[in-house]
């Protein structure tokens, strides 16, 4: 706590341990049971991929799932699900209806508000965080069992707003096998502790390439870095995602729901065991 603290957390931007801000309530007609944030200490590690895959996976398991594309500057979730041209519908009371995929997954993304998905989102941080809070409280979320939030990279203003405004139940940290993993994971872990949100586990993306002839797993970016850090901090390494042309092609074609993701079974098992949910 700063020595100049006014004890009014609503107007303070300091990330101190004493900070207390009331969570933003959902719209009266919305229901969201559990919220999982997918984050990393840096960009380019595959947060959007993991967020989209897990949202699709929980839907396949029989749960009503949803996703908020919180990386407003680099929004990519609509592309993963093949709904780039859709638009958010609303009424005269400001209530927004999330876009639905072919299987019924509910999505909110800034791309649904742009004339073209390639238009830059040139917004100050205050406006960006305002949109995120709006996605949570003004959207009509229909009986959502699990909501995933595709977080922007880092631990700055936007991630702080998400964790302070939305009741996040757990965090999945995404990393890659390179030596930089320690910095990535440590930043995320310390941020999670600051925000007082439990870390469910780590997912290693770009983990290996499987030889098409013999099936051998080739760790082209190194091996064991994520596992060592996970062991050191007592956090489970839940899954390893391969580098796969099939995954890339399906994402590019907007068919993340068509990806067979058995490699993420331990993640869905952990979520159900920790946060609840039986189908």
Protein backbone atom coordinates (compact mmCIF):
# COMPACT_ATOMS: atom_id res chain seq x y z
CA UNK A 1 0.00 0.00 0.00
CA UNK A 2 1.33 3.42 -0.93
CA UNK A 3 1.96 5.96 1.83
CA UNK A 4 -0.21 8.34 -0.21
CA UNK A 5 -3.10 5.87 -0.36
CA UNK A 6 -6.57 7.45 -0.24
CA UNK A 7 -8.22 4.05 0.40
CA UNK A 8 -10.46 4.65 -2.63
CA UNK A 9 -9.58 1.69 -4.87
CA UNK A 10 -12.13 2.67 -7.51
CA UNK A 11 -9.99 5.61 -8.65
CA UNK A 12 -6.55 4.07 -8.05
CA UNK A 13 -4.40 2.35 -10.69
CA UNK A 14 -1.87 0.92 -8.27
CA UNK A 15 -1.60 -2.87 -8.24
CA UNK A 16 -1.05 -3.23 -4.50
CA UNK A 17 -2.06 -6.28 -2.48
CA UNK A 18 -4.68 -4.29 -0.57
CA UNK A 19 -6.56 -3.28 -3.69
CA UNK A 20 -10.25 -4.17 -3.55
CA UNK A 21 -12.70 -3.54 -6.37
CA UNK A 22 -16.17 -4.98 -6.67
CA UNK A 23 -16.64 -7.42 -9.54
CA UNK A 24 -18.87 -6.19 -12.34
CA UNK A 25 -22.23 -8.02 -12.29
CA UNK A 26 -23.63 -9.78 -15.33
CA UNK A 27 -26.80 -8.66 -17.04
CA UNK A 28 -29.86 -9.98 -15.21
CA UNK A 29 -30.68 -12.34 -18.09
CA UNK A 30 -27.18 -13.86 -18.28
CA UNK A 31 -25.70 -16.94 -16.63
CA UNK A 32 -21.99 -17.79 -16.54
CA UNK A 33 -20.98 -20.51 -14.10
CA UNK A 34 -17.18 -20.70 -14.41
CA UNK A 35 -14.57 -18.43 -16.01
CA UNK A 36 -11.06 -19.52 -17.07
CA UNK A 37 -8.47 -17.01 -18.29
CA UNK A 38 -5.78 -18.13 -20.73
CA UNK A 39 -2.69 -15.95 -20.38
CA UNK A 40 1.05 -15.62 -20.83
CA UNK A 41 3.79 -13.20 -19.86
CA UNK A 42 4.51 -12.50 -23.54
CA UNK A 43 2.82 -12.62 -26.93
CA UNK A 44 3.10 -15.12 -29.75
CA UNK A 45 2.99 -18.27 -27.65
CA UNK A 46 -0.47 -19.50 -28.67
CA UNK A 47 -2.96 -18.13 -26.14
CA UNK A 48 -5.66 -17.72 -28.78
CA UNK A 49 -5.09 -21.25 -30.06
CA UNK A 50 -5.41 -22.75 -26.57
CA UNK A 51 -8.43 -20.56 -25.73
CA UNK A 52 -10.24 -21.55 -28.93
CA UNK A 53 -9.34 -25.24 -28.64
CA UNK A 54 -10.49 -25.43 -25.02
CA UNK A 55 -13.75 -23.61 -25.75
CA UNK A 56 -14.45 -26.06 -28.59
CA UNK A 57 -13.38 -29.03 -26.48
CA UNK A 58 -15.71 -28.23 -23.60
CA UNK A 59 -18.55 -27.83 -26.10
CA UNK A 60 -17.80 -31.28 -27.52
CA UNK A 61 -17.94 -32.67 -23.99
CA UNK A 62 -21.51 -31.41 -23.70
CA UNK A 63 -21.01 -28.12 -21.87
CA UNK A 64 -22.32 -24.77 -23.02
CA UNK A 65 -19.15 -22.81 -23.68
CA UNK A 66 -18.28 -19.23 -24.54
CA UNK A 67 -15.23 -17.10 -25.20
CA UNK A 68 -14.35 -13.44 -24.78
CA UNK A 69 -11.63 -12.20 -27.14
CA UNK A 70 -9.87 -9.90 -24.67
CA UNK A 71 -6.85 -9.31 -26.92
CA UNK A 72 -8.59 -6.38 -28.57
CA UNK A 73 -5.52 -5.06 -30.36
CA UNK A 74 -4.73 -8.46 -31.91
CA UNK A 75 -8.18 -10.08 -31.94
CA UNK A 76 -8.12 -13.45 -33.73
CA UNK A 77 -10.81 -15.60 -32.13
CA UNK A 78 -13.43 -14.94 -34.88
CA UNK A 79 -10.95 -16.20 -37.48
CA UNK A 80 -10.38 -19.43 -35.52
CA UNK A 81 -14.12 -20.15 -35.53
CA UNK A 82 -14.83 -18.94 -39.08
CA UNK A 83 -17.21 -16.15 -38.05
CA UNK A 84 -15.18 -13.16 -39.29
CA UNK A 85 -18.07 -11.51 -41.14
CA UNK A 86 -20.58 -11.65 -38.29
CA UNK A 87 -21.86 -8.64 -36.35
CA UNK A 88 -23.01 -8.26 -32.75
CA UNK A 89 -26.73 -7.66 -32.50
CA UNK A 90 -28.18 -5.37 -29.86
CA UNK A 91 -31.35 -3.69 -28.66
CA UNK A 92 -32.30 -0.16 -27.67
CA UNK A 93 -31.34 -0.90 -24.05
CA UNK A 94 -27.72 -1.56 -24.94
CA UNK A 95 -27.90 -5.32 -24.50
CA UNK A 96 -25.69 -7.22 -26.94
CA UNK A 97 -26.20 -10.74 -28.29
CA UNK A 98 -22.95 -12.70 -28.72
CA UNK A 99 -22.20 -14.25 -32.08
CA UNK A 100 -22.72 -18.01 -32.16
CA UNK A 101 -20.68 -20.60 -34.04
CA UNK A 102 -22.15 -23.54 -35.92
CA UNK A 103 -22.07 -25.66 -32.75
CA UNK A 104 -23.53 -22.91 -30.54
CA UNK A 105 -20.39 -21.50 -28.92
CA UNK A 106 -20.98 -17.88 -27.87
CA UNK A 107 -18.31 -15.30 -28.79
CA UNK A 108 -17.68 -11.63 -28.07
CA UNK A 109 -14.90 -9.86 -29.99
CA UNK A 110 -14.07 -6.31 -31.04
CA UNK A 111 -13.79 -7.62 -34.62
CA UNK A 112 -17.58 -7.96 -34.72
CA UNK A 113 -17.77 -4.17 -34.36
CA UNK A 114 -15.27 -3.29 -37.10
CA UNK A 115 -16.18 -2.61 -40.71
CA UNK A 116 -13.26 -4.79 -41.78
CA UNK A 117 -11.47 -7.28 -39.51
CA UNK A 118 -8.12 -5.85 -40.66
CA UNK A 119 -8.99 -2.34 -39.44
CA UNK A 120 -6.63 -1.26 -36.63
CA UNK A 121 -8.07 -0.88 -33.15
CA UNK A 122 -6.65 2.56 -32.36
CA UNK A 123 -7.96 3.02 -28.83
CA UNK A 124 -6.53 4.35 -25.60
CA UNK A 125 -6.22 1.85 -22.74
CA UNK A 126 -9.26 3.30 -20.92
CA UNK A 127 -11.49 2.69 -23.96
CA UNK A 128 -10.11 -0.80 -24.48
CA UNK A 129 -10.84 -1.77 -20.88
CA UNK A 130 -14.28 -0.22 -21.25
CA UNK A 131 -15.08 -2.51 -24.15
CA UNK A 132 -13.95 -5.55 -22.17
CA UNK A 133 -16.18 -4.73 -19.23
CA UNK A 134 -19.02 -4.14 -21.68
CA UNK A 135 -18.48 -7.57 -23.25
CA UNK A 136 -18.98 -9.08 -19.80
CA UNK A 137 -21.86 -7.08 -18.36
CA UNK A 138 -23.88 -6.01 -21.41
CA UNK A 139 -23.85 -9.28 -23.35
CA UNK A 140 -26.71 -11.73 -23.03
CA UNK A 141 -24.81 -14.89 -22.12
CA UNK A 142 -27.10 -17.89 -22.38
CA UNK A 143 -26.57 -20.54 -19.68
CA UNK A 144 -22.77 -20.71 -20.04
CA UNK A 145 -21.08 -23.56 -18.16
CA UNK A 146 -17.51 -22.54 -19.00
CA UNK A 147 -16.31 -19.22 -20.36
CA UNK A 148 -12.74 -18.80 -21.58
CA UNK A 149 -11.05 -15.41 -21.83
CA UNK A 150 -8.32 -15.09 -24.43
CA UNK A 151 -6.08 -12.61 -22.64
CA UNK A 152 -3.76 -10.05 -24.24
CA UNK A 153 -0.04 -10.62 -23.65
CA UNK A 154 1.68 -9.33 -20.56
CA UNK A 155 0.47 -8.13 -17.18
CA UNK A 156 -0.55 -4.52 -17.81
CA UNK A 157 -3.68 -2.41 -17.62
CA UNK A 158 -5.98 -4.64 -19.68
CA UNK A 159 -5.22 -7.93 -17.86
CA UNK A 160 -5.59 -6.08 -14.55
CA UNK A 161 -9.03 -4.85 -15.59
CA UNK A 162 -10.11 -8.37 -16.54
CA UNK A 163 -9.08 -9.88 -13.21
CA UNK A 164 -10.45 -7.00 -11.15
CA UNK A 165 -13.77 -6.77 -12.99
CA UNK A 166 -14.60 -10.37 -13.92
CA UNK A 167 -14.81 -13.23 -11.38
CA UNK A 168 -12.12 -15.46 -12.90
CA UNK A 169 -12.06 -18.92 -11.31
CA UNK A 170 -8.73 -20.13 -12.65
CA UNK A 171 -5.84 -19.44 -15.02
CA UNK A 172 -4.17 -21.55 -17.69
CA UNK A 173 -0.65 -20.34 -18.53
CA UNK A 174 0.59 -20.91 -22.07
CA UNK A 175 4.27 -21.11 -22.89
CA UNK A 176 6.71 -22.43 -25.50
CA UNK A 177 9.73 -24.72 -24.98
CA UNK A 178 12.48 -22.09 -25.37
CA UNK A 179 14.72 -21.01 -22.49
CA UNK A 180 12.70 -17.80 -22.21
CA UNK A 181 9.97 -19.93 -20.59
CA UNK A 182 11.17 -19.05 -17.09
CA UNK A 183 10.53 -15.34 -17.61
CA UNK A 184 7.16 -16.02 -19.29
CA UNK A 185 5.89 -18.34 -16.57
CA UNK A 186 7.26 -16.37 -13.62
CA UNK A 187 5.58 -13.16 -14.82
CA UNK A 188 2.26 -14.97 -15.17
CA UNK A 189 2.56 -16.73 -11.81
CA UNK A 190 3.44 -13.57 -9.90
CA UNK A 191 0.60 -11.72 -11.60
CA UNK A 192 -1.85 -14.50 -10.72
CA UNK A 193 -0.79 -14.32 -7.08
CA UNK A 194 -1.16 -10.55 -7.10
CA UNK A 195 -4.67 -10.91 -8.49
CA UNK A 196 -5.36 -13.81 -6.07
CA UNK A 197 -6.53 -16.19 -8.80
CA UNK A 198 -5.44 -19.87 -8.77
CA UNK A 199 -3.30 -21.24 -11.60
CA UNK A 200 -4.75 -24.50 -12.92
CA UNK A 201 -1.66 -25.48 -14.88
CA UNK A 202 0.62 -24.83 -17.83
CA UNK A 203 0.16 -25.78 -21.49
CA UNK A 204 3.27 -26.04 -23.65
CA UNK A 205 2.61 -24.99 -27.25
CA UNK A 206 4.89 -25.74 -30.25
CA UNK A 207 6.18 -28.62 -28.15
CA UNK A 208 7.30 -31.02 -30.87
CA UNK A 209 6.88 -32.19 -34.46
CA UNK A 210 5.77 -35.76 -34.98
CA UNK A 211 7.65 -37.60 -37.72
CA UNK A 212 5.09 -38.72 -40.35
CA UNK A 213 7.05 -41.91 -41.03
CA UNK A 214 8.04 -43.29 -37.63
CA UNK A 215 5.87 -41.23 -35.27
CA UNK A 216 8.84 -40.02 -33.23
CA UNK A 217 8.35 -36.72 -31.41
CA UNK A 218 11.07 -34.23 -32.38
CA UNK A 219 11.45 -31.28 -29.92
CA UNK A 220 12.82 -28.74 -32.41
CA UNK A 221 12.63 -25.84 -29.90
CA UNK A 222 14.20 -27.74 -27.03
CA UNK A 223 12.87 -30.04 -24.33
CA UNK A 224 12.30 -29.98 -20.61
CA UNK A 225 12.32 -26.22 -19.92
CA UNK A 226 8.60 -25.93 -19.22
CA UNK A 227 8.58 -29.17 -17.25
CA UNK A 228 11.42 -27.97 -15.01
CA UNK A 229 9.74 -24.65 -14.28
CA UNK A 230 6.39 -26.34 -13.62
CA UNK A 231 8.05 -28.74 -11.19
CA UNK A 232 9.92 -25.92 -9.46
CA UNK A 233 6.72 -23.96 -8.83
CA UNK A 234 4.55 -26.97 -8.06
CA UNK A 235 2.22 -26.36 -11.00
CA UNK A 236 1.16 -29.21 -13.29
CA UNK A 237 2.30 -29.27 -16.90
CA UNK A 238 -1.10 -30.24 -18.25
CA UNK A 239 -0.51 -30.69 -21.97
CA UNK A 240 1.92 -30.40 -24.85
CA UNK A 241 0.60 -29.19 -28.21
CA UNK A 242 2.48 -30.32 -31.33
CA UNK A 243 3.45 -28.20 -34.31
CA UNK A 244 1.00 -29.53 -36.86
CA UNK A 245 0.13 -28.50 -40.41
CA UNK A 246 -3.36 -29.94 -39.87
CA UNK A 247 -3.97 -27.68 -36.87
CA UNK A 248 -2.66 -24.66 -38.79
CA UNK A 249 -4.83 -25.40 -41.82
CA UNK A 250 -7.99 -25.86 -39.79
CA UNK A 251 -7.36 -22.62 -37.87
CA UNK A 252 -6.73 -20.75 -41.12
CA UNK A 253 -9.98 -22.19 -42.50
CA UNK A 254 -11.96 -21.20 -39.40
CA UNK A 255 -12.51 -24.80 -38.33
CA UNK A 256 -11.07 -24.97 -34.83
CA UNK A 257 -14.16 -26.97 -33.86
CA UNK A 258 -13.05 -29.69 -36.28
CA UNK A 259 -9.67 -30.26 -34.63
CA UNK A 260 -9.25 -33.51 -32.72
CA UNK A 261 -7.58 -32.34 -29.52
CA UNK A 262 -6.93 -35.44 -27.43
CA UNK A 263 -3.68 -33.82 -26.32
CA UNK A 264 -5.81 -31.38 -24.29
CA UNK A 265 -7.74 -34.08 -22.41
CA UNK A 266 -5.71 -33.48 -19.20
CA UNK A 267 -6.67 -29.79 -19.35
CA UNK A 268 -10.39 -30.49 -19.61
CA UNK A 269 -10.06 -33.12 -16.87
CA UNK A 270 -8.31 -30.60 -14.59
CA UNK A 271 -10.94 -27.93 -15.25
CA UNK A 272 -13.79 -30.28 -14.43
CA UNK A 273 -12.06 -31.71 -11.37
CA UNK A 274 -11.09 -28.31 -9.98
CA UNK A 275 -14.01 -26.12 -11.00
CA UNK A 276 -16.74 -28.72 -11.21
CA UNK A 277 -18.94 -29.84 -14.05
CA UNK A 278 -20.20 -33.26 -15.04
CA UNK A 279 -21.80 -34.37 -18.30
